[in-house]
Amino acid sequence: MYGGARNPTSSAGRKWLCGICSGEEGADSEPGFVAPSSAENAQEELREFQEGSREYEAELEAQLQQVESRNKDLLSENSRLRMEIELVKEKITTQHSEGYQQISTLEEELAQTRAVKDQLQKYIRELEQANDDLERAKRATIMSLEDFEQRMNQAIERNAFLESELDEKENLLESVQRLKDEARDLRQELAVQQKEKPRASVEDSLEVDRMDTAVQATSSLPSTPVGRRGLSTGMSTPGTPRRGLEDSYSATPLTPAARISVLNIVGDLLRKVGALESKLASCQNLVYDRAPYRSPAPPQVHMVHDRRLSGPYGPPGLGLVPTPQAWRFL
């Protein structure tokens, strides 16, 4: 590799140097021995060895420079890679911290959202419960309102019925007052006739008593239902005044004028009573038809034909008298 020069650092070079040294010593030890060729060869070999050593040293220096430059490049590459690794580590650390912060923020938002959801569900349940309570209260209010309306309608009907009864009572009172006035006029007329006809005094007194009895029975009619029942009983069943009147009819006959006037008065009164009865029956039927909850229909007003109040001069229907069951609903 180096032109036949031996490497002094190798084992062969060391052996060769030892041989040269031992030859020189042997030549010096022999007296008068001269070896010029060996010295020249040794010098030449020494020169070659020095040249080879210099070349080898230069080559080693070149290799060392190459290795040092390569090592320097590797060191710079290593430092660059280390810097990149540090940058990547920092980037990863930053991303990890940012991701952890985002995860923490999302977890907090999720917890808040769940809390809001729970609160909304609780609020919805409370609203549903309040809605149910309001519906129950509404149903109870509607039922109470319907009950109140029903009672109010019943009260209105009762008030209307009482007002009609009051109107009827006022009408009957007016009729009774008119009958009293007519009876007073008849009494005065009878007093005048008694002066002219002494014989008819007894008959006139009986007629006056009969009229007073009829007027008193009629005046007790509109006061109370008990009075009405008493009137109907007095008119439908024979009593002491009735017997007196019948006795007066049978014992002493009335004059035609007196009988006509009395029958006209009683007929007028009974016609008015019949009209009031028909109006009351129609009103009761109307109220019964319009009532939301119909109660049992009131009994019909039955009329009893009293022949004692009828006569040949009275109009038809004069003998109709309400029964006690009819007076109870009038």
C-alpha atoms as a PDB file:
ATOM      1  CA  MET A   1       0.000   0.000   0.000  1.00  0.00           C
ATOM      2  CA  TYR A   2       2.896   2.367   0.732  1.00  0.00           C
ATOM      3  CA  GLY A   3       5.596   1.187  -1.789  1.00  0.00           C
ATOM      4  CA  GLY A   4       7.097  -1.692   0.237  1.00  0.00           C
ATOM      5  CA  ALA A   5       7.653   0.391   3.364  1.00  0.00           C
ATOM      6  CA  ARG A   6       6.962  -1.366   6.589  1.00  0.00           C
ATOM      7  CA  ASN A   7       4.929   0.044   9.372  1.00  0.00           C
ATOM      8  CA  PRO A   8       7.235   0.603  12.327  1.00  0.00           C
ATOM      9  CA  THR A   9       4.419   0.090  14.723  1.00  0.00           C
ATOM     10  CA  SER A  10       3.686  -3.424  13.475  1.00  0.00           C
ATOM     11  CA  SER A  11       5.363  -6.569  14.825  1.00  0.00           C
ATOM     12  CA  ALA A  12       7.225  -7.260  11.564  1.00  0.00           C
ATOM     13  CA  GLY A  13       8.750  -3.775  11.542  1.00  0.00           C
ATOM     14  CA  ARG A  14       9.884  -4.183  15.066  1.00  0.00           C
ATOM     15  CA  LYS A  15      11.579  -7.499  14.225  1.00  0.00           C
ATOM     16  CA  TRP A  16      13.269  -5.953  11.197  1.00  0.00           C
ATOM     17  CA  LEU A  17      14.672  -3.087  13.243  1.00  0.00           C
ATOM     18  CA  CYS A  18      15.997  -5.555  15.809  1.00  0.00           C
ATOM     19  CA  GLY A  19      17.786  -7.553  13.067  1.00  0.00           C
ATOM     20  CA  ILE A  20      19.475  -4.451  11.702  1.00  0.00           C
ATOM     21  CA  CYS A  21      20.676  -3.435  15.101  1.00  0.00           C
ATOM     22  CA  SER A  22      22.028  -6.899  15.861  1.00  0.00           C
ATOM     23  CA  GLY A  23      23.901  -7.020  12.465  1.00  0.00           C
ATOM     24  CA  GLU A  24      25.536  -3.723  13.093  1.00  0.00           C
ATOM     25  CA  GLU A  25      26.626  -4.856  16.513  1.00  0.00           C
ATOM     26  CA  GLY A  26      28.044  -8.086  15.034  1.00  0.00           C
ATOM     27  CA  ALA A  27      30.012  -6.161  12.409  1.00  0.00           C
ATOM     28  CA  ASP A  28      31.445  -3.875  14.965  1.00  0.00           C
ATOM     29  CA  SER A  29      32.407  -6.785  17.132  1.00  0.00           C
ATOM     30  CA  GLU A  30      34.325  -8.469  14.395  1.00  0.00           C
ATOM     31  CA  PRO A  31      37.535  -6.668  13.918  1.00  0.00           C
ATOM     32  CA  GLY A  32      38.380  -5.505  10.434  1.00  0.00           C
ATOM     33  CA  PHE A  33      34.916  -6.399   8.999  1.00  0.00           C
ATOM     34  CA  VAL A  34      33.397  -3.858   6.653  1.00  0.00           C
ATOM     35  CA  ALA A  35      29.750  -4.161   5.318  1.00  0.00           C
ATOM     36  CA  PRO A  36      28.909  -1.126   3.208  1.00  0.00           C
ATOM     37  CA  SER A  37      25.964  -2.655   1.414  1.00  0.00           C
ATOM     38  CA  SER A  38      24.086  -3.452   4.575  1.00  0.00           C
ATOM     39  CA  ALA A  39      24.402   0.096   5.888  1.00  0.00           C
ATOM     40  CA  GLU A  40      23.223   1.556   2.669  1.00  0.00           C
ATOM     41  CA  ASN A  41      20.344  -0.788   2.587  1.00  0.00           C
ATOM     42  CA  ALA A  42      19.443   0.097   6.116  1.00  0.00           C
ATOM     43  CA  GLN A  43      19.590   3.776   5.410  1.00  0.00           C
ATOM     44  CA  GLU A  44      17.525   3.370   2.326  1.00  0.00           C
ATOM     45  CA  GLU A  45      15.022   1.340   4.220  1.00  0.00           C
ATOM     46  CA  LEU A  46      15.035   3.973   6.949  1.00  0.00           C
ATOM     47  CA  ARG A  47      14.334   6.648   4.425  1.00  0.00           C
ATOM     48  CA  GLU A  48      11.560   4.618   2.943  1.00  0.00           C
ATOM     49  CA  PHE A  49      10.225   3.951   6.395  1.00  0.00           C
ATOM     50  CA  GLN A  50      10.250   7.632   7.243  1.00  0.00           C
ATOM     51  CA  GLU A  51       8.540   8.526   3.992  1.00  0.00           C
ATOM     52  CA  GLY A  52       5.938   5.831   4.592  1.00  0.00           C
ATOM     53  CA  SER A  53       5.475   7.050   8.112  1.00  0.00           C
ATOM     54  CA  ARG A  54       4.988  10.584   6.882  1.00  0.00           C
ATOM     55  CA  GLU A  55       2.496   9.452   4.247  1.00  0.00           C
ATOM     56  CA  TYR A  56       0.732   7.273   6.757  1.00  0.00           C
ATOM     57  CA  GLU A  57       0.636  10.162   9.208  1.00  0.00           C
ATOM     58  CA  ALA A  58      -0.724  12.490   6.542  1.00  0.00           C
ATOM     59  CA  GLU A  59      -3.321   9.887   5.629  1.00  0.00           C
ATOM     60  CA  LEU A  60      -4.222   9.429   9.279  1.00  0.00           C
ATOM     61  CA  GLU A  61      -4.486  13.180   9.707  1.00  0.00           C
ATOM     62  CA  ALA A  62      -6.745  13.363   6.654  1.00  0.00           C
ATOM     63  CA  GLN A  63      -8.859  10.518   8.024  1.00  0.00           C
ATOM     64  CA  LEU A  64      -8.865  12.224  11.404  1.00  0.00           C
ATOM     65  CA  GLN A  65     -10.010  15.452   9.811  1.00  0.00           C
ATOM     66  CA  GLN A  66     -12.713  13.578   7.938  1.00  0.00           C
ATOM     67  CA  VAL A  67     -13.790  11.826  11.119  1.00  0.00           C
ATOM     68  CA  GLU A  68     -13.734  15.094  13.045  1.00  0.00           C
ATOM     69  CA  SER A  69     -15.761  16.869  10.352  1.00  0.00           C
ATOM     70  CA  ARG A  70     -18.182  13.945  10.241  1.00  0.00           C
ATOM     71  CA  ASN A  71     -18.341  13.940  14.024  1.00  0.00           C
ATOM     72  CA  LYS A  72     -18.959  17.665  13.962  1.00  0.00           C
ATOM     73  CA  ASP A  73     -21.754  17.163  11.426  1.00  0.00           C
ATOM     74  CA  LEU A  74     -23.216  14.399  13.536  1.00  0.00           C
ATOM     75  CA  LEU A  75     -22.994  16.568  16.631  1.00  0.00           C
ATOM     76  CA  SER A  76     -24.710  19.417  14.850  1.00  0.00           C
ATOM     77  CA  GLU A  77     -27.340  16.979  13.541  1.00  0.00           C
ATOM     78  CA  ASN A  78     -27.700  15.567  17.032  1.00  0.00           C
ATOM     79  CA  SER A  79     -28.121  19.025  18.537  1.00  0.00           C
ATOM     80  CA  ARG A  80     -30.617  19.884  15.805  1.00  0.00           C
ATOM     81  CA  LEU A  81     -32.536  16.704  16.472  1.00  0.00           C
ATOM     82  CA  ARG A  82     -32.399  17.377  20.197  1.00  0.00           C
ATOM     83  CA  MET A  83     -33.786  20.834  19.582  1.00  0.00           C
ATOM     84  CA  GLU A  84     -36.526  19.371  17.403  1.00  0.00           C
ATOM     85  CA  ILE A  85     -37.261  16.809  20.105  1.00  0.00           C
ATOM     86  CA  GLU A  86     -37.477  19.571  22.674  1.00  0.00           C
ATOM     87  CA  LEU A  87     -39.758  21.546  20.394  1.00  0.00           C
ATOM     88  CA  VAL A  88     -41.917  18.481  19.813  1.00  0.00           C
ATOM     89  CA  LYS A  89     -41.965  17.807  23.545  1.00  0.00           C
ATOM     90  CA  GLU A  90     -42.978  21.391  24.241  1.00  0.00           C
ATOM     91  CA  LYS A  91     -45.608  21.203  21.529  1.00  0.00           C
ATOM     92  CA  ILE A  92     -46.934  17.924  22.900  1.00  0.00           C
ATOM     93  CA  THR A  93     -46.909  19.334  26.423  1.00  0.00           C
ATOM     94  CA  THR A  94     -48.738  22.441  25.231  1.00  0.00           C
ATOM     95  CA  GLN A  95     -51.271  20.370  23.323  1.00  0.00           C
ATOM     96  CA  HIS A  96     -51.707  18.074  26.307  1.00  0.00           C
ATOM     97  CA  SER A  97     -52.278  21.015  28.638  1.00  0.00           C
ATOM     98  CA  GLU A  98     -54.673  22.615  26.161  1.00  0.00           C
ATOM     99  CA  GLY A  99     -56.501  19.318  25.704  1.00  0.00           C
ATOM    100  CA  TYR A 100     -56.686  18.842  29.464  1.00  0.00           C
ATOM    101  CA  GLN A 101     -58.042  22.364  29.866  1.00  0.00           C
ATOM    102  CA  GLN A 102     -60.599  21.746  27.113  1.00  0.00           C
ATOM    103  CA  ILE A 103     -61.598  18.450  28.698  1.00  0.00           C
ATOM    104  CA  SER A 104     -61.908  20.134  32.096  1.00  0.00           C
ATOM    105  CA  THR A 105     -63.986  22.938  30.565  1.00  0.00           C
ATOM    106  CA  LEU A 106     -66.212  20.446  28.742  1.00  0.00           C
ATOM    107  CA  GLU A 107     -66.634  18.411  31.922  1.00  0.00           C
ATOM    108  CA  GLU A 108     -67.633  21.555  33.835  1.00  0.00           C
ATOM    109  CA  GLU A 109     -70.069  22.533  31.067  1.00  0.00           C
ATOM    110  CA  LEU A 110     -71.465  18.992  31.071  1.00  0.00           C
ATOM    111  CA  ALA A 111     -71.941  19.122  34.845  1.00  0.00           C
ATOM    112  CA  GLN A 112     -73.647  22.522  34.565  1.00  0.00           C
ATOM    113  CA  THR A 113     -75.844  21.242  31.722  1.00  0.00           C
ATOM    114  CA  ARG A 114     -76.823  18.199  33.767  1.00  0.00           C
ATOM    115  CA  ALA A 115     -77.624  20.411  36.760  1.00  0.00           C
ATOM    116  CA  VAL A 116     -79.746  22.695  34.555  1.00  0.00           C
ATOM    117  CA  LYS A 117     -81.446  19.628  33.070  1.00  0.00           C
ATOM    118  CA  ASP A 118     -82.243  18.286  36.548  1.00  0.00           C
ATOM    119  CA  GLN A 119     -83.606  21.680  37.601  1.00  0.00           C
ATOM    120  CA  LEU A 120     -85.744  21.893  34.448  1.00  0.00           C
ATOM    121  CA  GLN A 121     -87.089  18.381  34.993  1.00  0.00           C
ATOM    122  CA  LYS A 122     -87.909  19.245  38.599  1.00  0.00           C
ATOM    123  CA  TYR A 123     -89.581  22.475  37.449  1.00  0.00           C
ATOM    124  CA  ILE A 124     -91.566  20.543  34.821  1.00  0.00           C
ATOM    125  CA  ARG A 125     -92.754  18.085  37.472  1.00  0.00           C
ATOM    126  CA  GLU A 126     -93.767  20.980  39.722  1.00  0.00           C
ATOM    127  CA  LEU A 127     -95.619  22.612  36.813  1.00  0.00           C
ATOM    128  CA  GLU A 128     -97.425  19.350  36.034  1.00  0.00           C
ATOM    129  CA  GLN A 129     -98.407  18.969  39.689  1.00  0.00           C
ATOM    130  CA  ALA A 130     -99.588  22.588  39.828  1.00  0.00           C
ATOM    131  CA  ASN A 131    -101.517  22.036  36.585  1.00  0.00           C
ATOM    132  CA  ASP A 132    -103.218  18.976  38.087  1.00  0.00           C
ATOM    133  CA  ASP A 133    -104.086  20.963  41.215  1.00  0.00           C
ATOM    134  CA  LEU A 134    -105.503  23.770  39.087  1.00  0.00           C
ATOM    135  CA  GLU A 135    -107.553  21.319  37.036  1.00  0.00           C
ATOM    136  CA  ARG A 136    -108.959  19.754  40.206  1.00  0.00           C
ATOM    137  CA  ALA A 137    -109.735  23.214  41.585  1.00  0.00           C
ATOM    138  CA  LYS A 138    -111.341  24.141  38.253  1.00  0.00           C
ATOM    139  CA  ARG A 139    -113.531  21.040  38.309  1.00  0.00           C
ATOM    140  CA  ALA A 140    -114.503  21.727  41.931  1.00  0.00           C
ATOM    141  CA  THR A 141    -115.260  25.362  41.064  1.00  0.00           C
ATOM    142  CA  ILE A 142    -117.367  24.313  38.077  1.00  0.00           C
ATOM    143  CA  MET A 143    -119.293  21.843  40.221  1.00  0.00           C
ATOM    144  CA  SER A 144    -119.841  24.435  42.954  1.00  0.00           C
ATOM    145  CA  LEU A 145    -120.871  26.984  40.311  1.00  0.00           C
ATOM    146  CA  GLU A 146    -123.362  24.547  38.807  1.00  0.00           C
ATOM    147  CA  ASP A 147    -124.714  23.808  42.281  1.00  0.00           C
ATOM    148  CA  PHE A 148    -124.957  27.528  42.995  1.00  0.00           C
ATOM    149  CA  GLU A 149    -126.712  28.138  39.664  1.00  0.00           C
ATOM    150  CA  GLN A 150    -129.138  25.328  40.406  1.00  0.00           C
ATOM    151  CA  ARG A 151    -129.893  26.731  43.853  1.00  0.00           C
ATOM    152  CA  MET A 152    -130.179  30.235  42.416  1.00  0.00           C
ATOM    153  CA  ASN A 153    -132.618  29.012  39.768  1.00  0.00           C
ATOM    154  CA  GLN A 154    -134.632  27.245  42.439  1.00  0.00           C
ATOM    155  CA  ALA A 155    -134.623  30.407  44.547  1.00  0.00           C
ATOM    156  CA  ILE A 156    -135.707  32.465  41.529  1.00  0.00           C
ATOM    157  CA  GLU A 157    -138.515  30.024  40.823  1.00  0.00           C
ATOM    158  CA  ARG A 158    -139.553  30.088  44.463  1.00  0.00           C
ATOM    159  CA  ASN A 159    -139.480  33.886  44.500  1.00  0.00           C
ATOM    160  CA  ALA A 160    -141.520  34.021  41.303  1.00  0.00           C
ATOM    161  CA  PHE A 161    -144.023  31.595  42.803  1.00  0.00           C
ATOM    162  CA  LEU A 162    -144.219  33.682  45.983  1.00  0.00           C
ATOM    163  CA  GLU A 163    -144.638  36.862  43.953  1.00  0.00           C
ATOM    164  CA  SER A 164    -147.465  35.245  42.024  1.00  0.00           C
ATOM    165  CA  GLU A 165    -149.037  34.209  45.312  1.00  0.00           C
ATOM    166  CA  LEU A 166    -148.673  37.763  46.621  1.00  0.00           C
ATOM    167  CA  ASP A 167    -150.300  39.141  43.481  1.00  0.00           C
ATOM    168  CA  GLU A 168    -153.086  36.624  43.860  1.00  0.00           C
ATOM    169  CA  LYS A 169    -153.486  37.592  47.501  1.00  0.00           C
ATOM    170  CA  GLU A 170    -153.717  41.273  46.607  1.00  0.00           C
ATOM    171  CA  ASN A 171    -156.301  40.502  43.943  1.00  0.00           C
ATOM    172  CA  LEU A 172    -158.306  38.430  46.380  1.00  0.00           C
ATOM    173  CA  LEU A 173    -158.071  41.160  49.009  1.00  0.00           C
ATOM    174  CA  GLU A 174    -159.392  43.643  46.489  1.00  0.00           C
ATOM    175  CA  SER A 175    -162.214  41.253  45.635  1.00  0.00           C
ATOM    176  CA  VAL A 176    -163.024  40.772  49.310  1.00  0.00           C
ATOM    177  CA  GLN A 177    -163.017  44.503  49.899  1.00  0.00           C
ATOM    178  CA  ARG A 178    -165.312  44.985  46.951  1.00  0.00           C
ATOM    179  CA  LEU A 179    -167.590  42.253  48.284  1.00  0.00           C
ATOM    180  CA  LYS A 180    -167.602  43.939  51.673  1.00  0.00           C
ATOM    181  CA  ASP A 181    -168.573  47.207  50.035  1.00  0.00           C
ATOM    182  CA  GLU A 182    -171.326  45.472  48.107  1.00  0.00           C
ATOM    183  CA  ALA A 183    -172.499  43.731  51.294  1.00  0.00           C
ATOM    184  CA  ARG A 184    -172.600  47.104  53.064  1.00  0.00           C
ATOM    185  CA  ASP A 185    -174.604  48.537  50.210  1.00  0.00           C
ATOM    186  CA  LEU A 186    -176.938  45.551  50.344  1.00  0.00           C
ATOM    187  CA  ARG A 187    -177.278  45.960  54.083  1.00  0.00           C
ATOM    188  CA  GLN A 188    -178.219  49.595  53.646  1.00  0.00           C
ATOM    189  CA  GLU A 189    -180.657  48.637  50.911  1.00  0.00           C
ATOM    190  CA  LEU A 190    -182.145  45.982  53.162  1.00  0.00           C
ATOM    191  CA  ALA A 191    -182.488  48.542  55.944  1.00  0.00           C
ATOM    192  CA  VAL A 192    -184.447  50.779  53.586  1.00  0.00           C
ATOM    193  CA  GLN A 193    -186.590  47.863  52.483  1.00  0.00           C
ATOM    194  CA  GLN A 194    -187.209  46.898  56.109  1.00  0.00           C
ATOM    195  CA  LYS A 195    -188.760  50.265  56.690  1.00  0.00           C
ATOM    196  CA  GLU A 196    -191.072  49.734  53.728  1.00  0.00           C
ATOM    197  CA  LYS A 197    -191.753  46.026  54.174  1.00  0.00           C
ATOM    198  CA  PRO A 198    -191.925  44.936  57.802  1.00  0.00           C
ATOM    199  CA  ARG A 199    -192.940  41.485  56.778  1.00  0.00           C
ATOM    200  CA  ALA A 200    -189.683  40.815  54.892  1.00  0.00           C
ATOM    201  CA  SER A 201    -187.484  41.875  57.799  1.00  0.00           C
ATOM    202  CA  VAL A 202    -186.814  38.344  58.954  1.00  0.00           C
ATOM    203  CA  GLU A 203    -185.946  37.185  55.456  1.00  0.00           C
ATOM    204  CA  ASP A 204    -183.650  40.141  54.892  1.00  0.00           C
ATOM    205  CA  SER A 205    -181.833  39.562  58.171  1.00  0.00           C
ATOM    206  CA  LEU A 206    -181.274  35.947  57.197  1.00  0.00           C
ATOM    207  CA  GLU A 207    -180.006  37.069  53.808  1.00  0.00           C
ATOM    208  CA  VAL A 208    -177.616  39.519  55.443  1.00  0.00           C
ATOM    209  CA  ASP A 209    -176.338  36.835  57.793  1.00  0.00           C
ATOM    210  CA  ARG A 210    -175.761  34.524  54.858  1.00  0.00           C
ATOM    211  CA  MET A 211    -173.868  37.227  52.970  1.00  0.00           C
ATOM    212  CA  ASP A 212    -171.738  38.042  56.030  1.00  0.00           C
ATOM    213  CA  THR A 213    -170.870  34.390  56.425  1.00  0.00           C
ATOM    214  CA  ALA A 214    -169.869  34.124  52.755  1.00  0.00           C
ATOM    215  CA  VAL A 215    -167.809  37.326  52.956  1.00  0.00           C
ATOM    216  CA  GLN A 216    -166.028  36.195  56.125  1.00  0.00           C
ATOM    217  CA  ALA A 217    -165.219  32.825  54.564  1.00  0.00           C
ATOM    218  CA  THR A 218    -163.931  34.555  51.454  1.00  0.00           C
ATOM    219  CA  SER A 219    -161.837  37.097  53.406  1.00  0.00           C
ATOM    220  CA  SER A 220    -160.024  34.278  55.211  1.00  0.00           C
ATOM    221  CA  LEU A 221    -158.993  32.764  51.848  1.00  0.00           C
ATOM    222  CA  PRO A 222    -155.795  34.716  50.829  1.00  0.00           C
ATOM    223  CA  SER A 223    -154.249  35.104  54.273  1.00  0.00           C
ATOM    224  CA  THR A 224    -152.473  31.744  54.735  1.00  0.00           C
ATOM    225  CA  PRO A 225    -152.669  28.239  53.269  1.00  0.00           C
ATOM    226  CA  VAL A 226    -154.374  27.186  56.478  1.00  0.00           C
ATOM    227  CA  GLY A 227    -157.061  29.815  55.819  1.00  0.00           C
ATOM    228  CA  ARG A 228    -157.395  28.472  52.298  1.00  0.00           C
ATOM    229  CA  ARG A 229    -157.799  24.956  53.540  1.00  0.00           C
ATOM    230  CA  GLY A 230    -160.307  26.219  56.103  1.00  0.00           C
ATOM    231  CA  LEU A 231    -162.197  27.993  53.345  1.00  0.00           C
ATOM    232  CA  SER A 232    -162.203  24.948  51.112  1.00  0.00           C
ATOM    233  CA  THR A 233    -163.283  22.792  54.017  1.00  0.00           C
ATOM    234  CA  GLY A 234    -165.997  25.255  54.910  1.00  0.00           C
ATOM    235  CA  MET A 235    -167.121  25.394  51.311  1.00  0.00           C
ATOM    236  CA  SER A 236    -166.925  21.678  50.587  1.00  0.00           C
ATOM    237  CA  THR A 237    -168.145  20.234  53.893  1.00  0.00           C
ATOM    238  CA  PRO A 238    -171.360  21.259  55.611  1.00  0.00           C
ATOM    239  CA  GLY A 239    -170.829  23.367  58.725  1.00  0.00           C
ATOM    240  CA  THR A 240    -172.962  25.335  61.113  1.00  0.00           C
ATOM    241  CA  PRO A 241    -173.183  28.462  58.909  1.00  0.00           C
ATOM    242  CA  ARG A 242    -173.950  26.262  55.924  1.00  0.00           C
ATOM    243  CA  ARG A 243    -176.662  24.502  57.810  1.00  0.00           C
ATOM    244  CA  GLY A 244    -178.071  27.890  58.872  1.00  0.00           C
ATOM    245  CA  LEU A 245    -178.044  29.037  55.259  1.00  0.00           C
ATOM    246  CA  GLU A 246    -179.698  25.838  54.080  1.00  0.00           C
ATOM    247  CA  ASP A 247    -182.284  26.181  56.858  1.00  0.00           C
ATOM    248  CA  SER A 248    -182.854  29.768  55.799  1.00  0.00           C
ATOM    249  CA  TYR A 249    -183.263  28.646  52.181  1.00  0.00           C
ATOM    250  CA  SER A 250    -185.737  25.941  53.205  1.00  0.00           C
ATOM    251  CA  ALA A 251    -187.534  27.913  55.909  1.00  0.00           C
ATOM    252  CA  THR A 252    -187.815  31.381  54.429  1.00  0.00           C
ATOM    253  CA  PRO A 253    -187.571  31.763  50.639  1.00  0.00           C
ATOM    254  CA  LEU A 254    -185.581  34.775  49.393  1.00  0.00           C
ATOM    255  CA  THR A 255    -186.933  37.359  47.097  1.00  0.00           C
ATOM    256  CA  PRO A 256    -185.834  36.986  43.470  1.00  0.00           C
ATOM    257  CA  ALA A 257    -183.891  40.278  43.493  1.00  0.00           C
ATOM    258  CA  ALA A 258    -181.927  39.393  46.624  1.00  0.00           C
ATOM    259  CA  ARG A 259    -181.203  35.913  45.385  1.00  0.00           C
ATOM    260  CA  ILE A 260    -179.979  37.201  42.027  1.00  0.00           C
ATOM    261  CA  SER A 261    -177.688  39.783  43.636  1.00  0.00           C
ATOM    262  CA  VAL A 262    -176.210  37.253  46.043  1.00  0.00           C
ATOM    263  CA  LEU A 263    -175.649  34.681  43.322  1.00  0.00           C
ATOM    264  CA  ASN A 264    -174.061  37.276  41.081  1.00  0.00           C
ATOM    265  CA  ILE A 265    -171.644  38.255  43.834  1.00  0.00           C
ATOM    266  CA  VAL A 266    -170.699  34.666  44.635  1.00  0.00           C
ATOM    267  CA  GLY A 267    -170.473  33.750  40.938  1.00  0.00           C
ATOM    268  CA  ASP A 268    -168.148  36.669  40.242  1.00  0.00           C
ATOM    269  CA  LEU A 269    -165.925  35.635  43.137  1.00  0.00           C
ATOM    270  CA  LEU A 270    -165.812  32.010  42.022  1.00  0.00           C
ATOM    271  CA  ARG A 271    -165.064  32.975  38.423  1.00  0.00           C
ATOM    272  CA  LYS A 272    -162.087  34.992  39.587  1.00  0.00           C
ATOM    273  CA  VAL A 273    -160.918  32.138  41.787  1.00  0.00           C
ATOM    274  CA  GLY A 274    -161.181  29.727  38.829  1.00  0.00           C
ATOM    275  CA  ALA A 275    -159.202  32.096  36.603  1.00  0.00           C
ATOM    276  CA  LEU A 276    -156.497  32.377  39.252  1.00  0.00           C
ATOM    277  CA  GLU A 277    -156.421  28.592  39.590  1.00  0.00           C
ATOM    278  CA  SER A 278    -155.982  28.129  35.839  1.00  0.00           C
ATOM    279  CA  LYS A 279    -153.194  30.745  35.738  1.00  0.00           C
ATOM    280  CA  LEU A 280    -151.439  29.131  38.689  1.00  0.00           C
ATOM    281  CA  ALA A 281    -151.683  25.672  37.114  1.00  0.00           C
ATOM    282  CA  SER A 282    -150.231  26.971  33.827  1.00  0.00           C
ATOM    283  CA  CYS A 283    -147.384  28.701  35.703  1.00  0.00           C
ATOM    284  CA  GLN A 284    -146.600  25.532  37.639  1.00  0.00           C
ATOM    285  CA  ASN A 285    -146.533  23.476  34.439  1.00  0.00           C
ATOM    286  CA  LEU A 286    -144.249  26.049  32.778  1.00  0.00           C
ATOM    287  CA  VAL A 287    -141.835  26.054  35.721  1.00  0.00           C
ATOM    288  CA  TYR A 288    -141.867  22.262  35.810  1.00  0.00           C
ATOM    289  CA  ASP A 289    -141.064  22.056  32.082  1.00  0.00           C
ATOM    290  CA  ARG A 290    -138.198  24.572  32.288  1.00  0.00           C
ATOM    291  CA  ALA A 291    -136.623  23.163  35.460  1.00  0.00           C
ATOM    292  CA  PRO A 292    -133.223  21.424  34.769  1.00  0.00           C
ATOM    293  CA  TYR A 293    -133.910  18.750  37.344  1.00  0.00           C
ATOM    294  CA  ARG A 294    -137.611  18.005  37.221  1.00  0.00           C
ATOM    295  CA  SER A 295    -139.302  17.362  40.503  1.00  0.00           C
ATOM    296  CA  PRO A 296    -142.500  15.373  40.765  1.00  0.00           C
ATOM    297  CA  ALA A 297    -145.344  17.225  39.117  1.00  0.00           C
ATOM    298  CA  PRO A 298    -147.684  18.943  41.543  1.00  0.00           C
ATOM    299  CA  PRO A 299    -151.096  17.423  41.845  1.00  0.00           C
ATOM    300  CA  GLN A 300    -153.729  18.843  39.598  1.00  0.00           C
ATOM    301  CA  VAL A 301    -156.283  21.183  41.044  1.00  0.00           C
ATOM    302  CA  HIS A 302    -159.467  19.219  41.319  1.00  0.00           C
ATOM    303  CA  MET A 303    -162.744  21.043  41.577  1.00  0.00           C
ATOM    304  CA  VAL A 304    -165.671  19.810  43.566  1.00  0.00           C
ATOM    305  CA  HIS A 305    -169.106  20.725  42.358  1.00  0.00           C
ATOM    306  CA  ASP A 306    -170.989  22.184  45.273  1.00  0.00           C
ATOM    307  CA  ARG A 307    -174.657  22.153  44.450  1.00  0.00           C
ATOM    308  CA  ARG A 308    -175.446  24.288  47.467  1.00  0.00           C
ATOM    309  CA  LEU A 309    -173.854  27.349  45.817  1.00  0.00           C
ATOM    310  CA  SER A 310    -175.564  26.825  42.480  1.00  0.00           C
ATOM    311  CA  GLY A 311    -178.979  28.019  41.689  1.00  0.00           C
ATOM    312  CA  PRO A 312    -181.299  28.611  38.789  1.00  0.00           C
ATOM    313  CA  TYR A 313    -180.030  32.171  38.378  1.00  0.00           C
ATOM    314  CA  GLY A 314    -176.302  31.497  38.675  1.00  0.00           C
ATOM    315  CA  PRO A 315    -173.981  31.137  35.685  1.00  0.00           C
ATOM    316  CA  PRO A 316    -172.413  27.761  34.913  1.00  0.00           C
ATOM    317  CA  GLY A 317    -169.415  26.869  37.074  1.00  0.00           C
ATOM    318  CA  LEU A 318    -170.629  28.646  40.188  1.00  0.00           C
ATOM    319  CA  GLY A 319    -170.681  25.465  42.203  1.00  0.00           C
ATOM    320  CA  LEU A 320    -166.996  24.615  41.542  1.00  0.00           C
ATOM    321  CA  VAL A 321    -165.011  24.712  44.789  1.00  0.00           C
ATOM    322  CA  PRO A 322    -161.317  23.735  45.163  1.00  0.00           C
ATOM    323  CA  THR A 323    -160.624  20.690  47.314  1.00  0.00           C
ATOM    324  CA  PRO A 324    -158.194  20.874  50.293  1.00  0.00           C
ATOM    325  CA  GLN A 325    -155.512  19.163  48.163  1.00  0.00           C
ATOM    326  CA  ALA A 326    -155.950  21.858  45.540  1.00  0.00           C
ATOM    327  CA  TRP A 327    -155.770  24.725  48.077  1.00  0.00           C
ATOM    328  CA  ARG A 328    -152.466  23.322  49.349  1.00  0.00           C
ATOM    329  CA  PHE A 329    -150.779  24.191  46.040  1.00  0.00           C
ATOM    330  CA  LEU A 330    -152.565  27.474  45.392  1.00  0.00           C
END
